[in-house]
Amino acid sequence: MADNKEFFPPQYDVNAKWDACLDLTVRRFVYSSLGGAFGGLLLFRSPVSRWASVAFGAGLGIGSAYTECSRLFEGSPAKLAAPKVIETPAPQDGQDNLCKSR
């Protein structure tokens, strides 16, 4: 039987994108949770604070994986739109009466 990669170019291979996305999500979740656990062990005494740092690390990992996966699927996460700047040409010497000295 023919391989599926013959039929679909790499940018349309959704199965490969999902595999990469799941792999990235699991790795970032685990690594950031371990980083949060290590940081919580060093910085906090209370078990609640330690678990909170683990949860914060896990949230950072999932959030960064979501951002990277949305780029992988050629979308973009919700962003604030930058203000549009409209440039006007500078006035010539003879056209601007307000800037002349008296």
PDB file of N, CA and C in Angstrom:
ATOM      1  N   MET A   1       0.846  -1.171   0.000  1.00  0.00           N
ATOM      2  CA  MET A   1       0.000   0.000   0.000  1.00  0.00           C
ATOM      3  C   MET A   1       0.889   1.231   0.000  1.00  0.00           C
ATOM      4  N   ALA A   2       0.448   2.272  -0.646  1.00  0.00           N
ATOM      5  CA  ALA A   2       1.230   3.502  -0.774  1.00  0.00           C
ATOM      6  C   ALA A   2       1.228   4.273   0.544  1.00  0.00           C
ATOM      7  N   ASP A   3       2.283   4.994   0.764  1.00  0.00           N
ATOM      8  CA  ASP A   3       2.416   5.803   1.968  1.00  0.00           C
ATOM      9  C   ASP A   3       1.579   7.074   1.819  1.00  0.00           C
ATOM     10  N   ASN A   4       1.022   7.568   2.908  1.00  0.00           N
ATOM     11  CA  ASN A   4       0.181   8.767   2.854  1.00  0.00           C
ATOM     12  C   ASN A   4       0.971  10.018   2.510  1.00  0.00           C
ATOM     13  N   LYS A   5       2.257  10.021   2.747  1.00  0.00           N
ATOM     14  CA  LYS A   5       3.058  11.210   2.492  1.00  0.00           C
ATOM     15  C   LYS A   5       3.189  11.492   1.001  1.00  0.00           C
ATOM     16  N   GLU A   6       2.922  10.502   0.162  1.00  0.00           N
ATOM     17  CA  GLU A   6       2.954  10.729  -1.281  1.00  0.00           C
ATOM     18  C   GLU A   6       1.816  11.641  -1.715  1.00  0.00           C
ATOM     19  N   PHE A   7       0.676  11.512  -1.077  1.00  0.00           N
ATOM     20  CA  PHE A   7      -0.518  12.214  -1.512  1.00  0.00           C
ATOM     21  C   PHE A   7      -0.623  13.631  -0.959  1.00  0.00           C
ATOM     22  N   PHE A   8      -0.114  13.846   0.223  1.00  0.00           N
ATOM     23  CA  PHE A   8      -0.284  15.142   0.872  1.00  0.00           C
ATOM     24  C   PHE A   8       1.059  15.835   1.036  1.00  0.00           C
ATOM     25  N   PRO A   9       1.141  17.096   0.635  1.00  0.00           N
ATOM     26  CA  PRO A   9       2.361  17.852   0.940  1.00  0.00           C
ATOM     27  C   PRO A   9       2.470  18.073   2.450  1.00  0.00           C
ATOM     28  N   PRO A  10       3.661  18.362   2.961  1.00  0.00           N
ATOM     29  CA  PRO A  10       3.840  18.472   4.418  1.00  0.00           C
ATOM     30  C   PRO A  10       2.956  19.516   5.090  1.00  0.00           C
ATOM     31  N   GLN A  11       2.629  20.609   4.408  1.00  0.00           N
ATOM     32  CA  GLN A  11       1.809  21.627   5.061  1.00  0.00           C
ATOM     33  C   GLN A  11       0.357  21.186   5.240  1.00  0.00           C
ATOM     34  N   TYR A  12      -0.062  20.118   4.538  1.00  0.00           N
ATOM     35  CA  TYR A  12      -1.433  19.625   4.670  1.00  0.00           C
ATOM     36  C   TYR A  12      -1.528  18.319   5.452  1.00  0.00           C
ATOM     37  N   ASP A  13      -0.433  17.824   5.958  1.00  0.00           N
ATOM     38  CA  ASP A  13      -0.442  16.562   6.698  1.00  0.00           C
ATOM     39  C   ASP A  13      -0.882  16.820   8.139  1.00  0.00           C
ATOM     40  N   VAL A  14      -2.178  16.705   8.370  1.00  0.00           N
ATOM     41  CA  VAL A  14      -2.759  17.040   9.671  1.00  0.00           C
ATOM     42  C   VAL A  14      -2.343  16.036  10.738  1.00  0.00           C
ATOM     43  N   ASN A  15      -2.183  14.782  10.376  1.00  0.00           N
ATOM     44  CA  ASN A  15      -1.776  13.780  11.367  1.00  0.00           C
ATOM     45  C   ASN A  15      -0.392  14.081  11.931  1.00  0.00           C
ATOM     46  N   ALA A  16       0.522  14.489  11.085  1.00  0.00           N
ATOM     47  CA  ALA A  16       1.863  14.838  11.563  1.00  0.00           C
ATOM     48  C   ALA A  16       1.816  16.079  12.447  1.00  0.00           C
ATOM     49  N   LYS A  17       0.954  17.026  12.107  1.00  0.00           N
ATOM     50  CA  LYS A  17       0.825  18.229  12.934  1.00  0.00           C
ATOM     51  C   LYS A  17       0.265  17.889  14.308  1.00  0.00           C
ATOM     52  N   TRP A  18      -0.740  17.016  14.355  1.00  0.00           N
ATOM     53  CA  TRP A  18      -1.311  16.625  15.640  1.00  0.00           C
ATOM     54  C   TRP A  18      -0.301  15.851  16.474  1.00  0.00           C
ATOM     55  N   ASP A  19       0.482  14.968  15.831  1.00  0.00           N
ATOM     56  CA  ASP A  19       1.509  14.231  16.569  1.00  0.00           C
ATOM     57  C   ASP A  19       2.533  15.183  17.171  1.00  0.00           C
ATOM     58  N   ALA A  20       2.980  16.146  16.371  1.00  0.00           N
ATOM     59  CA  ALA A  20       3.958  17.113  16.876  1.00  0.00           C
ATOM     60  C   ALA A  20       3.364  17.963  17.983  1.00  0.00           C
ATOM     61  N   CYS A  21       2.113  18.332  17.842  1.00  0.00           N
ATOM     62  CA  CYS A  21       1.454  19.170  18.845  1.00  0.00           C
ATOM     63  C   CYS A  21       1.278  18.421  20.170  1.00  0.00           C
ATOM     64  N   LEU A  22       0.840  17.173  20.111  1.00  0.00           N
ATOM     65  CA  LEU A  22       0.670  16.394  21.340  1.00  0.00           C
ATOM     66  C   LEU A  22       2.013  16.129  22.018  1.00  0.00           C
ATOM     67  N   ASP A  23       3.036  15.831  21.227  1.00  0.00           N
ATOM     68  CA  ASP A  23       4.358  15.611  21.788  1.00  0.00           C
ATOM     69  C   ASP A  23       4.867  16.874  22.476  1.00  0.00           C
ATOM     70  N   LEU A  24       4.711  18.009  21.821  1.00  0.00           N
ATOM     71  CA  LEU A  24       5.143  19.280  22.379  1.00  0.00           C
ATOM     72  C   LEU A  24       4.372  19.610  23.660  1.00  0.00           C
ATOM     73  N   THR A  25       3.075  19.375  23.660  1.00  0.00           N
ATOM     74  CA  THR A  25       2.243  19.683  24.826  1.00  0.00           C
ATOM     75  C   THR A  25       2.631  18.830  26.027  1.00  0.00           C
ATOM     76  N   VAL A  26       2.821  17.540  25.816  1.00  0.00           N
ATOM     77  CA  VAL A  26       3.180  16.668  26.937  1.00  0.00           C
ATOM     78  C   VAL A  26       4.552  17.030  27.490  1.00  0.00           C
ATOM     79  N   ARG A  27       5.510  17.269  26.602  1.00  0.00           N
ATOM     80  CA  ARG A  27       6.854  17.614  27.065  1.00  0.00           C
ATOM     81  C   ARG A  27       6.865  18.931  27.830  1.00  0.00           C
ATOM     82  N   ARG A  28       6.214  19.950  27.303  1.00  0.00           N
ATOM     83  CA  ARG A  28       6.229  21.245  27.998  1.00  0.00           C
ATOM     84  C   ARG A  28       5.455  21.185  29.309  1.00  0.00           C
ATOM     85  N   PHE A  29       4.374  20.420  29.349  1.00  0.00           N
ATOM     86  CA  PHE A  29       3.612  20.267  30.588  1.00  0.00           C
ATOM     87  C   PHE A  29       4.472  19.609  31.664  1.00  0.00           C
ATOM     88  N   VAL A  30       5.145  18.528  31.307  1.00  0.00           N
ATOM     89  CA  VAL A  30       5.949  17.796  32.292  1.00  0.00           C
ATOM     90  C   VAL A  30       7.152  18.620  32.740  1.00  0.00           C
ATOM     91  N   TYR A  31       7.881  19.196  31.786  1.00  0.00           N
ATOM     92  CA  TYR A  31       9.077  19.948  32.146  1.00  0.00           C
ATOM     93  C   TYR A  31       8.739  21.179  32.982  1.00  0.00           C
ATOM     94  N   SER A  32       7.701  21.893  32.625  1.00  0.00           N
ATOM     95  CA  SER A  32       7.367  23.093  33.395  1.00  0.00           C
ATOM     96  C   SER A  32       6.774  22.733  34.754  1.00  0.00           C
ATOM     97  N   SER A  33       6.059  21.608  34.849  1.00  0.00           N
ATOM     98  CA  SER A  33       5.571  21.160  36.157  1.00  0.00           C
ATOM     99  C   SER A  33       6.730  20.775  37.063  1.00  0.00           C
ATOM    100  N   LEU A  34       7.729  20.106  36.500  1.00  0.00           N
ATOM    101  CA  LEU A  34       8.908  19.759  37.295  1.00  0.00           C
ATOM    102  C   LEU A  34       9.678  21.013  37.708  1.00  0.00           C
ATOM    103  N   GLY A  35       9.753  21.979  36.818  1.00  0.00           N
ATOM    104  CA  GLY A  35      10.397  23.244  37.171  1.00  0.00           C
ATOM    105  C   GLY A  35       9.643  23.970  38.267  1.00  0.00           C
ATOM    106  N   GLY A  36       8.311  23.961  38.195  1.00  0.00           N
ATOM    107  CA  GLY A  36       7.507  24.568  39.249  1.00  0.00           C
ATOM    108  C   GLY A  36       7.653  23.834  40.572  1.00  0.00           C
ATOM    109  N   ALA A  37       7.755  22.507  40.511  1.00  0.00           N
ATOM    110  CA  ALA A  37       7.939  21.725  41.735  1.00  0.00           C
ATOM    111  C   ALA A  37       9.299  22.015  42.362  1.00  0.00           C
ATOM    112  N   PHE A  38      10.318  22.111  41.544  1.00  0.00           N
ATOM    113  CA  PHE A  38      11.658  22.406  42.057  1.00  0.00           C
ATOM    114  C   PHE A  38      11.714  23.821  42.638  1.00  0.00           C
ATOM    115  N   GLY A  39      11.121  24.757  41.923  1.00  0.00           N
ATOM    116  CA  GLY A  39      11.078  26.135  42.432  1.00  0.00           C
ATOM    117  C   GLY A  39      10.265  26.237  43.708  1.00  0.00           C
ATOM    118  N   GLY A  40       9.158  25.534  43.775  1.00  0.00           N
ATOM    119  CA  GLY A  40       8.343  25.545  44.989  1.00  0.00           C
ATOM    120  C   GLY A  40       9.044  24.892  46.160  1.00  0.00           C
ATOM    121  N   LEU A  41       9.837  23.858  45.874  1.00  0.00           N
ATOM    122  CA  LEU A  41      10.589  23.197  46.936  1.00  0.00           C
ATOM    123  C   LEU A  41      11.652  24.125  47.504  1.00  0.00           C
ATOM    124  N   LEU A  42      12.265  24.931  46.638  1.00  0.00           N
ATOM    125  CA  LEU A  42      13.300  25.839  47.103  1.00  0.00           C
ATOM    126  C   LEU A  42      12.751  27.101  47.759  1.00  0.00           C
ATOM    127  N   LEU A  43      11.619  27.599  47.284  1.00  0.00           N
ATOM    128  CA  LEU A  43      11.151  28.914  47.715  1.00  0.00           C
ATOM    129  C   LEU A  43      10.080  28.895  48.806  1.00  0.00           C
ATOM    130  N   PHE A  44       9.274  27.845  48.883  1.00  0.00           N
ATOM    131  CA  PHE A  44       8.119  27.868  49.775  1.00  0.00           C
ATOM    132  C   PHE A  44       8.191  26.760  50.819  1.00  0.00           C
ATOM    133  N   ARG A  45       7.578  27.035  51.977  1.00  0.00           N
ATOM    134  CA  ARG A  45       7.497  26.032  53.040  1.00  0.00           C
ATOM    135  C   ARG A  45       6.138  25.337  53.060  1.00  0.00           C
ATOM    136  N   SER A  46       5.117  26.073  52.752  1.00  0.00           N
ATOM    137  CA  SER A  46       3.762  25.540  52.834  1.00  0.00           C
ATOM    138  C   SER A  46       3.477  24.599  51.660  1.00  0.00           C
ATOM    139  N   PRO A  47       2.841  23.469  51.935  1.00  0.00           N
ATOM    140  CA  PRO A  47       2.489  22.559  50.836  1.00  0.00           C
ATOM    141  C   PRO A  47       1.524  23.192  49.829  1.00  0.00           C
ATOM    142  N   VAL A  48       0.669  24.079  50.303  1.00  0.00           N
ATOM    143  CA  VAL A  48      -0.279  24.730  49.395  1.00  0.00           C
ATOM    144  C   VAL A  48       0.474  25.631  48.418  1.00  0.00           C
ATOM    145  N   SER A  49       1.458  26.349  48.911  1.00  0.00           N
ATOM    146  CA  SER A  49       2.256  27.204  48.034  1.00  0.00           C
ATOM    147  C   SER A  49       3.071  26.380  47.051  1.00  0.00           C
ATOM    148  N   ARG A  50       3.564  25.255  47.499  1.00  0.00           N
ATOM    149  CA  ARG A  50       4.326  24.385  46.595  1.00  0.00           C
ATOM    150  C   ARG A  50       3.438  23.843  45.482  1.00  0.00           C
ATOM    151  N   TRP A  51       2.246  23.415  45.831  1.00  0.00           N
ATOM    152  CA  TRP A  51       1.324  22.916  44.802  1.00  0.00           C
ATOM    153  C   TRP A  51       0.895  24.035  43.867  1.00  0.00           C
ATOM    154  N   ALA A  52       0.775  25.240  44.411  1.00  0.00           N
ATOM    155  CA  ALA A  52       0.414  26.374  43.564  1.00  0.00           C
ATOM    156  C   ALA A  52       1.524  26.667  42.549  1.00  0.00           C
ATOM    157  N   SER A  53       2.779  26.530  42.960  1.00  0.00           N
ATOM    158  CA  SER A  53       3.871  26.760  42.008  1.00  0.00           C
ATOM    159  C   SER A  53       3.919  25.653  40.957  1.00  0.00           C
ATOM    160  N   VAL A  54       3.566  24.432  41.330  1.00  0.00           N
ATOM    161  CA  VAL A  54       3.482  23.345  40.344  1.00  0.00           C
ATOM    162  C   VAL A  54       2.358  23.647  39.344  1.00  0.00           C
ATOM    163  N   ALA A  55       1.220  24.100  39.848  1.00  0.00           N
ATOM    164  CA  ALA A  55       0.097  24.422  38.963  1.00  0.00           C
ATOM    165  C   ALA A  55       0.433  25.606  38.064  1.00  0.00           C
ATOM    166  N   PHE A  56       1.145  26.592  38.587  1.00  0.00           N
ATOM    167  CA  PHE A  56       1.554  27.728  37.771  1.00  0.00           C
ATOM    168  C   PHE A  56       2.500  27.290  36.662  1.00  0.00           C
ATOM    169  N   GLY A  57       3.450  26.433  37.001  1.00  0.00           N
ATOM    170  CA  GLY A  57       4.375  25.917  35.998  1.00  0.00           C
ATOM    171  C   GLY A  57       3.655  25.104  34.927  1.00  0.00           C
ATOM    172  N   ALA A  58       2.691  24.290  35.352  1.00  0.00           N
ATOM    173  CA  ALA A  58       1.922  23.505  34.379  1.00  0.00           C
ATOM    174  C   ALA A  58       1.113  24.409  33.462  1.00  0.00           C
ATOM    175  N   GLY A  59       0.559  25.469  34.020  1.00  0.00           N
ATOM    176  CA  GLY A  59      -0.184  26.421  33.197  1.00  0.00           C
ATOM    177  C   GLY A  59       0.694  27.127  32.193  1.00  0.00           C
ATOM    178  N   LEU A  60       1.908  27.488  32.607  1.00  0.00           N
ATOM    179  CA  LEU A  60       2.849  28.095  31.666  1.00  0.00           C
ATOM    180  C   LEU A  60       3.197  27.131  30.536  1.00  0.00           C
ATOM    181  N   GLY A  61       3.402  25.866  30.881  1.00  0.00           N
ATOM    182  CA  GLY A  61       3.740  24.875  29.864  1.00  0.00           C
ATOM    183  C   GLY A  61       2.613  24.652  28.875  1.00  0.00           C
ATOM    184  N   ILE A  62       1.398  24.551  29.371  1.00  0.00           N
ATOM    185  CA  ILE A  62       0.258  24.339  28.475  1.00  0.00           C
ATOM    186  C   ILE A  62       0.009  25.582  27.628  1.00  0.00           C
ATOM    187  N   GLY A  63       0.163  26.754  28.209  1.00  0.00           N
ATOM    188  CA  GLY A  63      -0.038  27.986  27.449  1.00  0.00           C
ATOM    189  C   GLY A  63       0.983  28.160  26.342  1.00  0.00           C
ATOM    190  N   SER A  64       2.238  27.865  26.626  1.00  0.00           N
ATOM    191  CA  SER A  64       3.256  27.988  25.576  1.00  0.00           C
ATOM    192  C   SER A  64       3.069  26.920  24.511  1.00  0.00           C
ATOM    193  N   ALA A  65       2.635  25.725  24.903  1.00  0.00           N
ATOM    194  CA  ALA A  65       2.362  24.679  23.916  1.00  0.00           C
ATOM    195  C   ALA A  65       1.165  25.052  23.042  1.00  0.00           C
ATOM    196  N   TYR A  66       0.156  25.673  23.633  1.00  0.00           N
ATOM    197  CA  TYR A  66      -0.995  26.114  22.845  1.00  0.00           C
ATOM    198  C   TYR A  66      -0.589  27.158  21.813  1.00  0.00           C
ATOM    199  N   THR A  67       0.259  28.091  22.232  1.00  0.00           N
ATOM    200  CA  THR A  67       0.716  29.132  21.310  1.00  0.00           C
ATOM    201  C   THR A  67       1.501  28.518  20.152  1.00  0.00           C
ATOM    202  N   GLU A  68       2.391  27.601  20.472  1.00  0.00           N
ATOM    203  CA  GLU A  68       3.202  26.975  19.425  1.00  0.00           C
ATOM    204  C   GLU A  68       2.352  26.098  18.512  1.00  0.00           C
ATOM    205  N   CYS A  69       1.368  25.401  19.065  1.00  0.00           N
ATOM    206  CA  CYS A  69       0.492  24.557  18.238  1.00  0.00           C
ATOM    207  C   CYS A  69      -0.398  25.400  17.327  1.00  0.00           C
ATOM    208  N   SER A  70      -0.836  26.541  17.809  1.00  0.00           N
ATOM    209  CA  SER A  70      -1.654  27.396  16.945  1.00  0.00           C
ATOM    210  C   SER A  70      -0.829  27.946  15.799  1.00  0.00           C
ATOM    211  N   ARG A  71       0.452  28.214  16.035  1.00  0.00           N
ATOM    212  CA  ARG A  71       1.330  28.619  14.932  1.00  0.00           C
ATOM    213  C   ARG A  71       1.567  27.466  13.977  1.00  0.00           C
ATOM    214  N   LEU A  72       1.652  26.261  14.518  1.00  0.00           N
ATOM    215  CA  LEU A  72       1.872  25.082  13.688  1.00  0.00           C
ATOM    216  C   LEU A  72       0.703  24.842  12.749  1.00  0.00           C
ATOM    217  N   PHE A  73      -0.491  25.093  13.231  1.00  0.00           N
ATOM    218  CA  PHE A  73      -1.683  24.924  12.405  1.00  0.00           C
ATOM    219  C   PHE A  73      -2.008  26.178  11.601  1.00  0.00           C
ATOM    220  N   GLU A  74      -1.045  27.093  11.507  1.00  0.00           N
ATOM    221  CA  GLU A  74      -1.133  28.319  10.716  1.00  0.00           C
ATOM    222  C   GLU A  74      -2.225  29.265  11.188  1.00  0.00           C
ATOM    223  N   GLY A  75      -2.507  29.214  12.428  1.00  0.00           N
ATOM    224  CA  GLY A  75      -3.408  30.184  13.027  1.00  0.00           C
ATOM    225  C   GLY A  75      -2.592  31.031  13.973  1.00  0.00           C
ATOM    226  N   SER A  76      -3.214  31.957  14.605  1.00  0.00           N
ATOM    227  CA  SER A  76      -2.510  32.731  15.606  1.00  0.00           C
ATOM    228  C   SER A  76      -3.406  32.871  16.816  1.00  0.00           C
ATOM    229  N   PRO A  77      -2.817  32.901  18.001  1.00  0.00           N
ATOM    230  CA  PRO A  77      -3.643  33.087  19.185  1.00  0.00           C
ATOM    231  C   PRO A  77      -4.223  34.495  19.200  1.00  0.00           C
ATOM    232  N   ALA A  78      -5.212  34.677  20.014  1.00  0.00           N
ATOM    233  CA  ALA A  78      -5.843  35.990  20.100  1.00  0.00           C
ATOM    234  C   ALA A  78      -4.827  36.998  20.615  1.00  0.00           C
ATOM    235  N   LYS A  79      -4.652  38.062  19.881  1.00  0.00           N
ATOM    236  CA  LYS A  79      -3.700  39.096  20.259  1.00  0.00           C
ATOM    237  C   LYS A  79      -4.404  40.441  20.251  1.00  0.00           C
ATOM    238  N   LEU A  80      -3.852  41.355  20.993  1.00  0.00           N
ATOM    239  CA  LEU A  80      -4.359  42.714  20.935  1.00  0.00           C
ATOM    240  C   LEU A  80      -3.843  43.351  19.652  1.00  0.00           C
ATOM    241  N   ALA A  81      -4.696  44.031  18.962  1.00  0.00           N
ATOM    242  CA  ALA A  81      -4.296  44.666  17.716  1.00  0.00           C
ATOM    243  C   ALA A  81      -3.469  45.907  18.022  1.00  0.00           C
ATOM    244  N   ALA A  82      -2.403  46.069  17.294  1.00  0.00           N
ATOM    245  CA  ALA A  82      -1.564  47.247  17.461  1.00  0.00           C
ATOM    246  C   ALA A  82      -2.272  48.450  16.850  1.00  0.00           C
ATOM    247  N   PRO A  83      -2.136  49.608  17.461  1.00  0.00           N
ATOM    248  CA  PRO A  83      -2.793  50.784  16.883  1.00  0.00           C
ATOM    249  C   PRO A  83      -2.173  51.123  15.527  1.00  0.00           C
ATOM    250  N   LYS A  84      -3.026  51.533  14.615  1.00  0.00           N
ATOM    251  CA  LYS A  84      -2.556  51.885  13.285  1.00  0.00           C
ATOM    252  C   LYS A  84      -2.122  53.345  13.274  1.00  0.00           C
ATOM    253  N   VAL A  85      -0.964  53.583  12.727  1.00  0.00           N
ATOM    254  CA  VAL A  85      -0.414  54.926  12.651  1.00  0.00           C
ATOM    255  C   VAL A  85      -0.554  55.413  11.226  1.00  0.00           C
ATOM    256  N   ILE A  86      -1.187  56.542  11.083  1.00  0.00           N
ATOM    257  CA  ILE A  86      -1.347  57.140   9.757  1.00  0.00           C
ATOM    258  C   ILE A  86      -0.325  58.250   9.647  1.00  0.00           C
ATOM    259  N   GLU A  87       0.547  58.119   8.669  1.00  0.00           N
ATOM    260  CA  GLU A  87       1.588  59.125   8.485  1.00  0.00           C
ATOM    261  C   GLU A  87       1.128  60.148   7.460  1.00  0.00           C
ATOM    262  N   THR A  88       1.301  61.403   7.813  1.00  0.00           N
ATOM    263  CA  THR A  88       0.984  62.479   6.882  1.00  0.00           C
ATOM    264  C   THR A  88       2.288  63.136   6.463  1.00  0.00           C
ATOM    265  N   PRO A  89       2.376  63.609   5.243  1.00  0.00           N
ATOM    266  CA  PRO A  89       3.622  64.240   4.807  1.00  0.00           C
ATOM    267  C   PRO A  89       3.860  65.547   5.562  1.00  0.00           C
ATOM    268  N   ALA A  90       5.117  65.848   5.778  1.00  0.00           N
ATOM    269  CA  ALA A  90       5.479  67.079   6.476  1.00  0.00           C
ATOM    270  C   ALA A  90       5.170  68.276   5.586  1.00  0.00           C
ATOM    271  N   PRO A  91       4.700  69.394   6.167  1.00  0.00           N
ATOM    272  CA  PRO A  91       4.377  70.577   5.355  1.00  0.00           C
ATOM    273  C   PRO A  91       5.645  71.213   4.782  1.00  0.00           C
ATOM    274  N   GLN A  92       5.505  71.794   3.618  1.00  0.00           N
ATOM    275  CA  GLN A  92       6.622  72.488   2.975  1.00  0.00           C
ATOM    276  C   GLN A  92       6.777  73.879   3.603  1.00  0.00           C
ATOM    277  N   ASP A  93       7.864  74.571   3.290  1.00  0.00           N
ATOM    278  CA  ASP A  93       8.161  75.857   3.925  1.00  0.00           C
ATOM    279  C   ASP A  93       7.081  76.910   3.680  1.00  0.00           C
ATOM    280  N   GLY A  94       6.581  77.005   2.477  1.00  0.00           N
ATOM    281  CA  GLY A  94       5.632  78.058   2.148  1.00  0.00           C
ATOM    282  C   GLY A  94       4.205  77.725   2.535  1.00  0.00           C
ATOM    283  N   GLN A  95       3.907  76.507   2.964  1.00  0.00           N
ATOM    284  CA  GLN A  95       2.527  76.104   3.213  1.00  0.00           C
ATOM    285  C   GLN A  95       2.124  76.197   4.667  1.00  0.00           C
ATOM    286  N   ASP A  96       3.040  76.242   5.580  1.00  0.00           N
ATOM    287  CA  ASP A  96       2.693  76.199   7.001  1.00  0.00           C
ATOM    288  C   ASP A  96       2.813  77.602   7.606  1.00  0.00           C
ATOM    289  N   ASN A  97       1.695  78.195   7.958  1.00  0.00           N
ATOM    290  CA  ASN A  97       1.686  79.543   8.534  1.00  0.00           C
ATOM    291  C   ASN A  97       1.817  79.505  10.055  1.00  0.00           C
ATOM    292  N   LEU A  98       1.530  78.373  10.683  1.00  0.00           N
ATOM    293  CA  LEU A  98       1.547  78.296  12.149  1.00  0.00           C
ATOM    294  C   LEU A  98       2.951  78.222  12.696  1.00  0.00           C
ATOM    295  N   CYS A  99       3.887  77.697  11.963  1.00  0.00           N
ATOM    296  CA  CYS A  99       5.240  77.488  12.482  1.00  0.00           C
ATOM    297  C   CYS A  99       6.175  78.650  12.201  1.00  0.00           C
ATOM    298  N   LYS A 100       5.725  79.668  11.505  1.00  0.00           N
ATOM    299  CA  LYS A 100       6.609  80.780  11.192  1.00  0.00           C
ATOM    300  C   LYS A 100       6.804  81.647  12.429  1.00  0.00           C
ATOM    301  N   SER A 101       8.012  82.133  12.589  1.00  0.00           N
ATOM    302  CA  SER A 101       8.275  83.011  13.728  1.00  0.00           C
ATOM    303  C   SER A 101       7.817  84.437  13.389  1.00  0.00           C
ATOM    304  N   ARG A 102       7.436  85.183  14.392  1.00  0.00           N
ATOM    305  CA  ARG A 102       6.900  86.540  14.176  1.00  0.00           C
ATOM    306  C   ARG A 102       7.919  87.571  14.424  1.00  0.00           C
TER     307      ARG A 102
END
